[in-house]
C-alpha atoms as a PDB file:
ATOM      1  CA  MET A   1     125.984   0.311-127.865  1.00  0.00           C
ATOM      2  CA  ARG A   2     123.046  -0.373-125.651  1.00  0.00           C
ATOM      3  CA  PHE A   3     125.726  -1.647-123.137  1.00  0.00           C
ATOM      4  CA  LEU A   4     128.052   0.924-123.240  1.00  0.00           C
ATOM      5  CA  PHE A   5     125.058   3.491-122.165  1.00  0.00           C
ATOM      6  CA  LEU A   6     123.813   1.439-119.371  1.00  0.00           C
ATOM      7  CA  LEU A   7     127.419   1.022-118.495  1.00  0.00           C
ATOM      8  CA  PHE A   8     127.853   5.463-118.057  1.00  0.00           C
ATOM      9  CA  ILE A   9     124.664   5.383-116.698  1.00  0.00           C
ATOM     10  CA  SER A  10     125.020   2.834-114.158  1.00  0.00           C
ATOM     11  CA  LEU A  11     128.468   4.741-113.071  1.00  0.00           C
ATOM     12  CA  SER A  12     127.161   7.935-113.770  1.00  0.00           C
ATOM     13  CA  LEU A  13     124.468   6.835-110.878  1.00  0.00           C
ATOM     14  CA  LEU A  14     126.503   5.312-108.261  1.00  0.00           C
ATOM     15  CA  ALA A  15     129.265   8.382-108.617  1.00  0.00           C
ATOM     16  CA  THR A  16     126.129  10.574-107.866  1.00  0.00           C
ATOM     17  CA  GLY A  17     125.164   8.886-104.910  1.00  0.00           C
ATOM     18  CA  CYS A  18     128.809   8.387-103.767  1.00  0.00           C
ATOM     19  CA  SER A  19     128.675  12.503-103.870  1.00  0.00           C
ATOM     20  CA  TYR A  20     125.656  12.246-101.717  1.00  0.00           C
ATOM     21  CA  PHE A  21     126.790  10.618 -99.291  1.00  0.00           C
ATOM     22  CA  ASN A  22     130.515  11.785 -98.975  1.00  0.00           C
ATOM     23  CA  THR A  23     128.503  15.177 -98.189  1.00  0.00           C
ATOM     24  CA  VAL A  24     126.419  13.648 -95.215  1.00  0.00           C
ATOM     25  CA  ASN A  25     128.971  11.298 -93.777  1.00  0.00           C
ATOM     26  CA  GLY A  26     132.419  12.584 -93.901  1.00  0.00           C
ATOM     27  CA  ILE A  27     133.364  15.409 -96.111  1.00  0.00           C
ATOM     28  CA  SER A  28     131.232  17.989 -95.203  1.00  0.00           C
ATOM     29  CA  SER A  29     129.570  18.605 -91.330  1.00  0.00           C
ATOM     30  CA  PRO A  30     126.575  20.929 -90.054  1.00  0.00           C
ATOM     31  CA  SER A  31     129.000  22.984 -88.657  1.00  0.00           C
ATOM     32  CA  ASP A  32     129.814  24.189 -92.101  1.00  0.00           C
ATOM     33  CA  GLN A  33     127.150  26.431 -91.244  1.00  0.00           C
ATOM     34  CA  LEU A  34     129.066  27.760 -87.845  1.00  0.00           C
ATOM     35  CA  ASP A  35     130.087  31.406 -87.624  1.00  0.00           C
ATOM     36  CA  THR A  36     133.154  31.745 -86.633  1.00  0.00           C
ATOM     37  CA  SER A  37     133.930  35.290 -87.159  1.00  0.00           C
ATOM     38  CA  GLY A  38     135.090  35.406 -83.130  1.00  0.00           C
ATOM     39  CA  TYR A  39     136.693  32.428 -83.186  1.00  0.00           C
ATOM     40  CA  THR A  40     140.261  32.958 -81.104  1.00  0.00           C
ATOM     41  CA  GLU A  41     142.891  31.384 -82.238  1.00  0.00           C
ATOM     42  CA  LYS A  42     142.748  28.326 -80.179  1.00  0.00           C
ATOM     43  CA  ASP A  43     138.953  27.730 -80.769  1.00  0.00           C
ATOM     44  CA  PHE A  44     139.624  27.514 -84.370  1.00  0.00           C
ATOM     45  CA  PHE A  45     142.018  25.212 -84.430  1.00  0.00           C
ATOM     46  CA  ARG A  46     140.349  23.178 -81.541  1.00  0.00           C
ATOM     47  CA  ALA A  47     137.401  22.994 -84.335  1.00  0.00           C
ATOM     48  CA  ILE A  48     139.858  21.957 -86.856  1.00  0.00           C
ATOM     49  CA  GLN A  49     140.870  18.997 -85.004  1.00  0.00           C
ATOM     50  CA  ASP A  50     137.651  18.048 -84.165  1.00  0.00           C
ATOM     51  CA  ASP A  51     136.377  18.161 -87.936  1.00  0.00           C
ATOM     52  CA  LEU A  52     139.950  15.637 -89.028  1.00  0.00           C
ATOM     53  CA  LYS A  53     139.179  13.733 -86.155  1.00  0.00           C
ATOM     54  CA  GLY A  54     135.093  13.399 -87.239  1.00  0.00           C
ATOM     55  CA  GLY A  55     136.638  13.621 -91.005  1.00  0.00           C
ATOM     56  CA  PHE A  56     135.205  16.349 -92.232  1.00  0.00           C
ATOM     57  CA  TRP A  57     137.616  17.300 -94.715  1.00  0.00           C
ATOM     58  CA  LEU A  58     135.353  19.825 -96.519  1.00  0.00           C
ATOM     59  CA  THR A  59     134.111  21.796 -93.433  1.00  0.00           C
ATOM     60  CA  ALA A  60     138.349  21.772 -92.252  1.00  0.00           C
ATOM     61  CA  ILE A  61     139.977  22.629 -95.283  1.00  0.00           C
ATOM     62  CA  GLU A  62     137.236  26.045 -95.062  1.00  0.00           C
ATOM     63  CA  LYS A  63     138.735  26.829 -91.274  1.00  0.00           C
ATOM     64  CA  LEU A  64     141.902  26.603 -91.776  1.00  0.00           C
ATOM     65  CA  ARG A  65     142.109  28.507 -94.752  1.00  0.00           C
ATOM     66  CA  SER A  66     140.553  31.043 -92.467  1.00  0.00           C
ATOM     67  CA  LEU A  67     142.838  30.619 -89.691  1.00  0.00           C
ATOM     68  CA  GLU A  68     145.499  31.244 -91.669  1.00  0.00           C
ATOM     69  CA  ALA A  69     143.695  34.321 -93.338  1.00  0.00           C
ATOM     70  CA  GLN A  70     143.376  35.526 -90.114  1.00  0.00           C
ATOM     71  CA  PHE A  71     146.125  34.554 -87.640  1.00  0.00           C
ATOM     72  CA  PRO A  72     148.942  34.161 -90.197  1.00  0.00           C
ATOM     73  CA  PHE A  73     151.758  34.688 -87.882  1.00  0.00           C
ATOM     74  CA  GLY A  74     149.782  32.966 -84.773  1.00  0.00           C
ATOM     75  CA  ASP A  75     151.338  29.622 -82.965  1.00  0.00           C
ATOM     76  CA  TYR A  76     149.403  27.589 -84.635  1.00  0.00           C
ATOM     77  CA  ALA A  77     149.983  28.546 -88.210  1.00  0.00           C
ATOM     78  CA  GLU A  78     152.898  26.174 -89.450  1.00  0.00           C
ATOM     79  CA  GLN A  79     150.833  23.420 -88.527  1.00  0.00           C
ATOM     80  CA  ALA A  80     147.628  24.703 -89.805  1.00  0.00           C
ATOM     81  CA  GLN A  81     149.522  24.817 -93.344  1.00  0.00           C
ATOM     82  CA  LEU A  82     150.909  21.216 -92.366  1.00  0.00           C
ATOM     83  CA  GLU A  83     147.153  20.211 -91.312  1.00  0.00           C
ATOM     84  CA  LEU A  84     145.491  21.977 -94.357  1.00  0.00           C
ATOM     85  CA  ILE A  85     147.795  19.737 -96.696  1.00  0.00           C
ATOM     86  CA  TYR A  86     146.442  16.341 -95.287  1.00  0.00           C
ATOM     87  CA  ALA A  87     142.663  17.730 -95.378  1.00  0.00           C
ATOM     88  CA  TYR A  88     143.185  18.506 -99.166  1.00  0.00           C
ATOM     89  CA  LEU A  89     144.432  14.992 -99.362  1.00  0.00           C
ATOM     90  CA  LYS A  90     141.495  13.126 -97.802  1.00  0.00           C
ATOM     91  CA  ALA A  91     139.186  15.050 -99.660  1.00  0.00           C
ATOM     92  CA  GLY A  92     140.661  14.737-102.676  1.00  0.00           C
ATOM     93  CA  GLU A  93     141.746  17.742-104.235  1.00  0.00           C
ATOM     94  CA  TYR A  94     144.846  16.721-104.964  1.00  0.00           C
ATOM     95  CA  ASP A  95     146.454  19.702-107.265  1.00  0.00           C
ATOM     96  CA  ALA A  96     145.678  21.579-103.769  1.00  0.00           C
ATOM     97  CA  ALA A  97     147.118  19.537-101.507  1.00  0.00           C
ATOM     98  CA  ILE A  98     149.909  19.562-103.554  1.00  0.00           C
ATOM     99  CA  SER A  99     150.603  23.377-104.041  1.00  0.00           C
ATOM    100  CA  VAL A 100     150.073  23.698-100.507  1.00  0.00           C
ATOM    101  CA  ALA A 101     153.017  20.964 -99.763  1.00  0.00           C
ATOM    102  CA  ASP A 102     155.163  23.206-101.808  1.00  0.00           C
ATOM    103  CA  ARG A 103     154.658  26.260-100.327  1.00  0.00           C
ATOM    104  CA  PHE A 104     155.205  25.414 -97.086  1.00  0.00           C
ATOM    105  CA  ILE A 105     158.416  23.762 -98.442  1.00  0.00           C
ATOM    106  CA  ARG A 106     159.570  26.935 -99.851  1.00  0.00           C
ATOM    107  CA  LEU A 107     158.460  28.623 -96.869  1.00  0.00           C
ATOM    108  CA  HIS A 108     159.735  27.118 -94.198  1.00  0.00           C
ATOM    109  CA  PRO A 109     163.013  25.067 -95.503  1.00  0.00           C
ATOM    110  CA  GLN A 110     164.314  23.911 -91.753  1.00  0.00           C
ATOM    111  CA  HIS A 111     160.731  22.987 -90.032  1.00  0.00           C
ATOM    112  CA  GLU A 112     160.694  20.213 -87.900  1.00  0.00           C
ATOM    113  CA  ASN A 113     158.104  18.960 -90.513  1.00  0.00           C
ATOM    114  CA  ILE A 114     159.064  18.831 -93.368  1.00  0.00           C
ATOM    115  CA  ASP A 115     159.614  15.468 -94.071  1.00  0.00           C
ATOM    116  CA  TYR A 116     155.938  14.979 -93.611  1.00  0.00           C
ATOM    117  CA  ALA A 117     154.725  18.008 -96.139  1.00  0.00           C
ATOM    118  CA  PHE A 118     157.783  15.951 -98.584  1.00  0.00           C
ATOM    119  CA  TYR A 119     155.809  12.404 -97.480  1.00  0.00           C
ATOM    120  CA  VAL A 120     151.717  14.202 -98.564  1.00  0.00           C
ATOM    121  CA  LYS A 121     153.097  15.387-101.405  1.00  0.00           C
ATOM    122  CA  GLY A 122     154.236  11.995-102.949  1.00  0.00           C
ATOM    123  CA  ILE A 123     151.318  10.458-102.122  1.00  0.00           C
ATOM    124  CA  ALA A 124     148.989  13.214-103.423  1.00  0.00           C
ATOM    125  CA  THR A 125     151.179  13.465-107.173  1.00  0.00           C
ATOM    126  CA  PHE A 126     150.729   9.594-107.487  1.00  0.00           C
ATOM    127  CA  VAL A 127     146.744   9.460-106.731  1.00  0.00           C
ATOM    128  CA  LYS A 128     145.425  13.019-108.014  1.00  0.00           C
ATOM    129  CA  SER A 129     145.972  10.142-111.569  1.00  0.00           C
ATOM    130  CA  ASP A 130     142.545   8.313-110.803  1.00  0.00           C
ATOM    131  CA  SER A 131     140.131   9.294-112.678  1.00  0.00           C
ATOM    132  CA  MET A 132     136.085   8.942-111.716  1.00  0.00           C
ATOM    133  CA  PHE A 133     136.277   5.961-113.432  1.00  0.00           C
ATOM    134  CA  GLY A 134     139.256   4.559-112.460  1.00  0.00           C
ATOM    135  CA  LYS A 135     137.600   4.257-109.184  1.00  0.00           C
ATOM    136  CA  PHE A 136     134.897   1.740-110.170  1.00  0.00           C
ATOM    137  CA  LEU A 137     136.803  -0.036-113.185  1.00  0.00           C
ATOM    138  CA  PRO A 138     139.495  -2.490-112.779  1.00  0.00           C
ATOM    139  CA  LEU A 139     141.468   0.119-114.948  1.00  0.00           C
ATOM    140  CA  ASP A 140     145.557  -1.588-115.145  1.00  0.00           C
ATOM    141  CA  GLU A 141     147.998   1.004-113.711  1.00  0.00           C
ATOM    142  CA  THR A 142     150.232   0.179-115.762  1.00  0.00           C
ATOM    143  CA  LYS A 143     148.903   1.324-118.598  1.00  0.00           C
ATOM    144  CA  ARG A 144     148.666   4.796-117.677  1.00  0.00           C
ATOM    145  CA  ASP A 145     150.448   7.696-118.242  1.00  0.00           C
ATOM    146  CA  PRO A 146     153.685   7.267-115.829  1.00  0.00           C
ATOM    147  CA  GLY A 147     154.162  11.160-115.701  1.00  0.00           C
ATOM    148  CA  SER A 148     152.581  11.017-111.818  1.00  0.00           C
ATOM    149  CA  ALA A 149     154.048   8.133-111.008  1.00  0.00           C
ATOM    150  CA  ARG A 150     157.245   9.594-112.133  1.00  0.00           C
ATOM    151  CA  ASN A 151     156.836  12.871-110.375  1.00  0.00           C
ATOM    152  CA  SER A 152     155.900  10.710-106.881  1.00  0.00           C
ATOM    153  CA  PHE A 153     159.076   8.398-107.290  1.00  0.00           C
ATOM    154  CA  SER A 154     160.897  12.034-107.809  1.00  0.00           C
ATOM    155  CA  THR A 155     159.164  13.666-104.452  1.00  0.00           C
ATOM    156  CA  PHE A 156     159.594   9.756-102.380  1.00  0.00           C
ATOM    157  CA  SER A 157     163.498   9.967-103.394  1.00  0.00           C
ATOM    158  CA  GLU A 158     163.865  13.183-102.423  1.00  0.00           C
ATOM    159  CA  LEU A 159     162.372  12.690 -99.438  1.00  0.00           C
ATOM    160  CA  LEU A 160     164.971   9.702 -99.071  1.00  0.00           C
ATOM    161  CA  ASN A 161     167.945  12.019 -99.947  1.00  0.00           C
ATOM    162  CA  ARG A 162     167.043  14.606 -97.788  1.00  0.00           C
ATOM    163  CA  TYR A 163     165.955  13.006 -94.486  1.00  0.00           C
ATOM    164  CA  PRO A 164     166.975   9.564 -94.034  1.00  0.00           C
ATOM    165  CA  GLU A 165     166.106   9.025 -90.577  1.00  0.00           C
ATOM    166  CA  SER A 166     162.358  10.216 -90.842  1.00  0.00           C
ATOM    167  CA  PRO A 167     159.800   8.350 -89.788  1.00  0.00           C
ATOM    168  CA  TYR A 168     158.400   8.709 -93.062  1.00  0.00           C
ATOM    169  CA  ALA A 169     160.931   6.688 -94.889  1.00  0.00           C
ATOM    170  CA  PRO A 170     159.990   2.962 -94.299  1.00  0.00           C
ATOM    171  CA  ASP A 171     157.051   3.203 -95.506  1.00  0.00           C
ATOM    172  CA  ALA A 172     157.845   5.913 -98.797  1.00  0.00           C
ATOM    173  CA  GLN A 173     160.818   3.044 -99.929  1.00  0.00           C
ATOM    174  CA  LYS A 174     157.783   0.632-100.028  1.00  0.00           C
ATOM    175  CA  ARG A 175     156.465   3.119-102.226  1.00  0.00           C
ATOM    176  CA  MET A 176     158.996   3.763-104.892  1.00  0.00           C
ATOM    177  CA  ILE A 177     159.786  -0.174-104.994  1.00  0.00           C
ATOM    178  CA  TYR A 178     155.263  -0.019-106.334  1.00  0.00           C
ATOM    179  CA  LEU A 179     156.531   2.704-108.264  1.00  0.00           C
ATOM    180  CA  ARG A 180     159.338   1.618-109.869  1.00  0.00           C
ATOM    181  CA  ASN A 181     157.486  -2.133-110.764  1.00  0.00           C
ATOM    182  CA  ILE A 182     154.828   0.487-112.317  1.00  0.00           C
ATOM    183  CA  LEU A 183     157.298   2.267-114.731  1.00  0.00           C
ATOM    184  CA  ALA A 184     159.116  -0.941-115.509  1.00  0.00           C
ATOM    185  CA  ARG A 185     156.420  -2.383-116.967  1.00  0.00           C
ATOM    186  CA  TYR A 186     155.194   1.059-118.591  1.00  0.00           C
ATOM    187  CA  GLU A 187     158.003   0.176-120.593  1.00  0.00           C
ATOM    188  CA  ILE A 188     156.921  -3.238-122.256  1.00  0.00           C
ATOM    189  CA  HIS A 189     153.563  -1.968-122.569  1.00  0.00           C
ATOM    190  CA  ALA A 190     155.169   0.702-124.358  1.00  0.00           C
ATOM    191  CA  ALA A 191     157.480  -2.234-126.279  1.00  0.00           C
ATOM    192  CA  ASN A 192     154.558  -4.046-127.077  1.00  0.00           C
ATOM    193  CA  TYR A 193     152.972  -1.393-128.853  1.00  0.00           C
ATOM    194  CA  TYR A 194     155.714  -0.909-130.687  1.00  0.00           C
ATOM    195  CA  PHE A 195     155.785  -4.511-132.194  1.00  0.00           C
ATOM    196  CA  ILE A 196     151.781  -3.497-133.236  1.00  0.00           C
ATOM    197  CA  ARG A 197     153.225  -1.015-135.220  1.00  0.00           C
ATOM    198  CA  GLY A 198     156.227  -2.955-136.618  1.00  0.00           C
ATOM    199  CA  ALA A 199     158.913  -0.504-134.906  1.00  0.00           C
ATOM    200  CA  TYR A 200     160.758  -3.456-133.419  1.00  0.00           C
ATOM    201  CA  LEU A 201     164.237  -1.293-132.531  1.00  0.00           C
ATOM    202  CA  ALA A 202     161.857   1.062-130.602  1.00  0.00           C
ATOM    203  CA  ALA A 203     160.443  -1.881-128.957  1.00  0.00           C
ATOM    204  CA  ALA A 204     164.293  -3.358-128.272  1.00  0.00           C
ATOM    205  CA  ASN A 205     165.281   0.027-126.985  1.00  0.00           C
ATOM    206  CA  ARG A 206     162.555  -0.202-124.570  1.00  0.00           C
ATOM    207  CA  GLY A 207     163.413  -3.548-123.248  1.00  0.00           C
ATOM    208  CA  ARG A 208     167.209  -2.279-122.767  1.00  0.00           C
ATOM    209  CA  TYR A 209     165.861   0.905-121.086  1.00  0.00           C
ATOM    210  CA  VAL A 210     164.095  -2.080-118.216  1.00  0.00           C
ATOM    211  CA  ILE A 211     167.732  -3.913-118.151  1.00  0.00           C
ATOM    212  CA  GLU A 212     169.356  -1.277-117.468  1.00  0.00           C
ATOM    213  CA  ASN A 213     167.828   1.210-115.348  1.00  0.00           C
ATOM    214  CA  PHE A 214     164.818  -1.120-113.746  1.00  0.00           C
ATOM    215  CA  GLN A 215     167.465  -4.468-112.397  1.00  0.00           C
ATOM    216  CA  LYS A 216     165.522  -6.887-110.396  1.00  0.00           C
ATOM    217  CA  THR A 217     161.219  -5.654-111.493  1.00  0.00           C
ATOM    218  CA  PRO A 218     159.483  -7.875-111.574  1.00  0.00           C
ATOM    219  CA  ALA A 219     159.462  -6.274-115.789  1.00  0.00           C
ATOM    220  CA  VAL A 220     162.941  -7.583-116.613  1.00  0.00           C
ATOM    221  CA  PRO A 221     162.750 -11.161-117.925  1.00  0.00           C
ATOM    222  CA  ASP A 222     160.144  -9.727-120.138  1.00  0.00           C
ATOM    223  CA  GLY A 223     162.653  -6.669-120.649  1.00  0.00           C
ATOM    224  CA  LEU A 224     165.034  -9.889-121.715  1.00  0.00           C
ATOM    225  CA  ALA A 225     162.639 -11.514-123.969  1.00  0.00           C
ATOM    226  CA  VAL A 226     161.235  -8.149-125.967  1.00  0.00           C
ATOM    227  CA  MET A 227     165.484  -7.627-127.222  1.00  0.00           C
ATOM    228  CA  ALA A 228     165.372 -11.343-127.917  1.00  0.00           C
ATOM    229  CA  GLN A 229     162.549 -10.964-130.525  1.00  0.00           C
ATOM    230  CA  ALA A 230     163.060  -7.322-131.531  1.00  0.00           C
ATOM    231  CA  TYR A 231     166.907  -8.331-132.409  1.00  0.00           C
ATOM    232  CA  TYR A 232     165.411 -11.271-134.035  1.00  0.00           C
ATOM    233  CA  LEU A 233     163.018  -9.538-136.475  1.00  0.00           C
ATOM    234  CA  MET A 234     166.059  -6.815-137.215  1.00  0.00           C
ATOM    235  CA  ASP A 235     168.274  -9.708-138.386  1.00  0.00           C
ATOM    236  CA  MET A 236     170.374  -8.929-135.495  1.00  0.00           C
ATOM    237  CA  HIS A 237     170.650 -12.359-134.190  1.00  0.00           C
ATOM    238  CA  ASP A 238     173.832 -11.797-131.756  1.00  0.00           C
ATOM    239  CA  LEU A 239     172.668  -9.782-129.712  1.00  0.00           C
ATOM    240  CA  SER A 240     169.017 -11.476-129.794  1.00  0.00           C
ATOM    241  CA  LEU A 241     171.053 -15.154-129.211  1.00  0.00           C
ATOM    242  CA  GLU A 242     172.674 -13.491-125.746  1.00  0.00           C
ATOM    243  CA  ALA A 243     169.781 -12.031-124.233  1.00  0.00           C
ATOM    244  CA  ALA A 244     167.664 -15.068-124.784  1.00  0.00           C
ATOM    245  CA  LYS A 245     170.346 -17.078-123.590  1.00  0.00           C
ATOM    246  CA  LEU A 246     170.007 -14.824-120.725  1.00  0.00           C
ATOM    247  CA  LEU A 247     166.482 -15.142-120.270  1.00  0.00           C
ATOM    248  CA  ALA A 248     166.899 -18.869-120.409  1.00  0.00           C
ATOM    249  CA  GLN A 249     169.879 -18.601-117.403  1.00  0.00           C
ATOM    250  CA  ASN A 250     167.957 -16.158-115.066  1.00  0.00           C
ATOM    251  CA  TYR A 251     164.390 -17.293-115.790  1.00  0.00           C
ATOM    252  CA  PRO A 252     164.176 -20.698-117.239  1.00  0.00           C
ATOM    253  CA  ASN A 253     160.220 -20.523-116.873  1.00  0.00           C
ATOM    254  CA  HIS A 254     159.374 -18.023-118.973  1.00  0.00           C
ATOM    255  CA  THR A 255     156.767 -18.544-121.026  1.00  0.00           C
ATOM    256  CA  SER A 256     159.199 -17.766-124.816  1.00  0.00           C
ATOM    257  CA  LEU A 257     161.229 -20.898-124.233  1.00  0.00           C
ATOM    258  CA  ASP A 258     160.443 -24.043-124.931  1.00  0.00           C
ATOM    259  CA  THR A 259     160.814 -26.989-122.547  1.00  0.00           C
ATOM    260  CA  ASN A 260     164.571 -27.039-123.904  1.00  0.00           C
ATOM    261  CA  GLY A 261     164.812 -23.653-122.632  1.00  0.00           C
ATOM    262  CA  SER A 262     164.762 -22.212-126.251  1.00  0.00           C
ATOM    263  CA  PHE A 263     163.500 -18.960-127.188  1.00  0.00           C
ATOM    264  CA  LYS A 264     160.764 -19.346-129.445  1.00  0.00           C
ATOM    265  CA  TYR A 265     160.498 -16.826-131.932  1.00  0.00           C
ATOM    266  CA  GLN A 266     157.778 -15.140-133.334  1.00  0.00           C
ATOM    267  CA  GLU A 267     157.703 -14.188-137.441  1.00  0.00           C
ATOM    268  CA  GLU A 268     156.817 -10.958-138.334  1.00  0.00           C
ATOM    269  CA  SER A 269     152.659  -9.652-137.102  1.00  0.00           C
ATOM    270  CA  VAL A 270     150.925  -7.806-139.513  1.00  0.00           C
ATOM    271  CA  SER A 271     149.935  -4.863-138.548  1.00  0.00           C
ATOM    272  CA  ILE A 272     146.371  -4.983-138.436  1.00  0.00           C
ATOM    273  CA  GLU A 273     144.013  -2.425-138.887  1.00  0.00           C
ATOM    274  CA  ARG A 274     141.807  -1.492-135.039  1.00  0.00           C
ATOM    275  CA  SER A 275     138.102  -3.455-136.176  1.00  0.00           C
ATOM    276  CA  TRP A 276     134.978  -0.548-134.979  1.00  0.00           C
ATOM    277  CA  THR A 277     134.373  -3.494-132.281  1.00  0.00           C
ATOM    278  CA  ASN A 278     137.881  -2.801-130.781  1.00  0.00           C
ATOM    279  CA  THR A 279     137.789   0.889-131.227  1.00  0.00           C
ATOM    280  CA  LEU A 280     134.027   1.474-129.930  1.00  0.00           C
ATOM    281  CA  THR A 281     135.237  -0.895-126.306  1.00  0.00           C
ATOM    282  CA  ALA A 282     137.935   1.028-126.119  1.00  0.00           C
ATOM    283  CA  GLY A 283     139.704  -1.993-126.791  1.00  0.00           C
ATOM    284  CA  LEU A 284     138.006  -4.978-124.637  1.00  0.00           C
ATOM    285  CA  PHE A 285     136.979  -6.355-127.880  1.00  0.00           C
ATOM    286  CA  ASP A 286     138.218  -7.695-131.011  1.00  0.00           C
ATOM    287  CA  LYS A 287     141.819  -7.277-130.487  1.00  0.00           C
ATOM    288  CA  PRO A 288     144.036  -7.028-133.042  1.00  0.00           C
ATOM    289  CA  ALA A 289     146.714 -10.854-132.687  1.00  0.00           C
ATOM    290  CA  SER A 290     150.628  -9.440-132.039  1.00  0.00           C
ATOM    291  CA  ILE A 291     153.351  -9.775-131.031  1.00  0.00           C
ATOM    292  CA  GLY A 292     153.871  -9.100-127.121  1.00  0.00           C
ATOM    293  CA  PHE A 293     155.013  -9.913-123.831  1.00  0.00           C
ATOM    294  CA  ASP A 294     153.504  -9.979-120.242  1.00  0.00           C
ATOM    295  CA  THR A 295     154.323 -12.717-117.864  1.00  0.00           C
ATOM    296  CA  ARG A 296     153.589 -10.523-114.571  1.00  0.00           C
ATOM    297  CA  HIS A 297     151.157 -14.046-113.190  1.00  0.00           C
ATOM    298  CA  ILE A 298     154.451 -15.997-113.259  1.00  0.00           C
ATOM    299  CA  PHE A 299     157.231 -13.321-111.196  1.00  0.00           C
ATOM    300  CA  ASN A 300     154.803 -10.187-110.008  1.00  0.00           C
ATOM    301  CA  GLU A 301     154.082 -12.015-106.941  1.00  0.00           C
ATOM    302  CA  GLY A 302     151.823  -8.824-106.223  1.00  0.00           C
ATOM    303  CA  TYR A 303     150.086  -9.035-109.254  1.00  0.00           C
ATOM    304  CA  LYS A 304     149.664 -12.659-108.647  1.00  0.00           C
ATOM    305  CA  ALA A 305     147.905 -12.149-105.623  1.00  0.00           C
ATOM    306  CA  LEU A 306     146.226  -9.163-106.997  1.00  0.00           C
ATOM    307  CA  GLU A 307     144.226 -10.619-109.957  1.00  0.00           C
ATOM    308  CA  GLY A 308     143.351 -13.524-107.817  1.00  0.00           C
ATOM    309  CA  GLU A 309     140.686 -10.629-105.904  1.00  0.00           C
ATOM    310  CA  GLN A 310     140.606  -7.917-108.422  1.00  0.00           C
ATOM    311  CA  PHE A 311     137.217  -8.567-108.969  1.00  0.00           C
ATOM    312  CA  LYS A 312     136.263 -11.232-106.785  1.00  0.00           C
ATOM    313  CA  ASP A 313     132.779 -10.305-106.111  1.00  0.00           C
ATOM    314  CA  SER A 314     133.070  -6.823-107.537  1.00  0.00           C
ATOM    315  CA  TRP A 315     130.220  -4.574-108.566  1.00  0.00           C
ATOM    316  CA  VAL A 316     131.677  -3.859-112.081  1.00  0.00           C
ATOM    317  CA  ASP A 317     132.117  -7.378-112.720  1.00  0.00           C
ATOM    318  CA  ASN A 318     128.049  -7.716-111.935  1.00  0.00           C
ATOM    319  CA  VAL A 319     127.592  -4.701-114.396  1.00  0.00           C
ATOM    320  CA  THR A 320     129.347  -6.151-117.052  1.00  0.00           C
ATOM    321  CA  PHE A 321     128.756  -9.653-116.727  1.00  0.00           C
ATOM    322  CA  GLY A 322     132.058 -10.363-116.295  1.00  0.00           C
ATOM    323  CA  ILE A 323     133.521  -8.882-119.000  1.00  0.00           C
ATOM    324  CA  PHE A 324     136.472  -7.304-117.461  1.00  0.00           C
ATOM    325  CA  LYS A 325     137.988 -10.925-116.095  1.00  0.00           C
END
């Protein structure tokens, strides 16, 4: 309990310190108190560009809003709205960035830079799900609520469908691959949870969903393993053998296969109630034994690279004495 209290205090102090330094170095600028009542539209825009270049996001946001209020139909009005989307994103005000992007898309459907609004909206939609602790703790993104990832994927998909020649299309496509991998892995995590609960049909359905909807993702091997194991536990042996055969043919180095390529079936596990230690530490300690599959360290090159660097000389590792490794 004392450890958790100290961890919370350490994180709170770090967040407070970051807030202070953000105000001094990058978020706000001394020009916050500058009187802009006599500014022309060009004066506004010149000052805004200086703030954006200097990384003074909150100052830029205030000036952009003032520019829009004073010159709603001016020469820089539409460009200011695009700059406002970007400034909100950089300031970490993701909901505001999404809202302004949606408004721009609605009001200017034929604008030559509308693809930029879609692109920034897609980024903001995904990163807004990061919590304060998510910025400092090594949390697994694939275990978060997938709602933001789905919405972000949908936005990038719309960008590619509408504007395939956009300069933002290549990066959007890369982000979609990343998001698709996250969504596929989330289904495997859900299947593993259903194994704990003894809901084997639900687990099998999650595995099949990965196979049918997330082909060519690193989660496919585990999807097949989930199906083989779940169908086995439901005495649906033909379906189980079919999934196990596909797994052996396509992913012979999967950890669920023995040296002969046969699936190592696990017998039905008893659902164990979480201990007070497991509950208090949010699952970090005293985890109940259960059936589950996670072979990202074998089939996901990006995960293997991240796994090697994620905790190297990290602040979290020092504070938590390595418990997150």
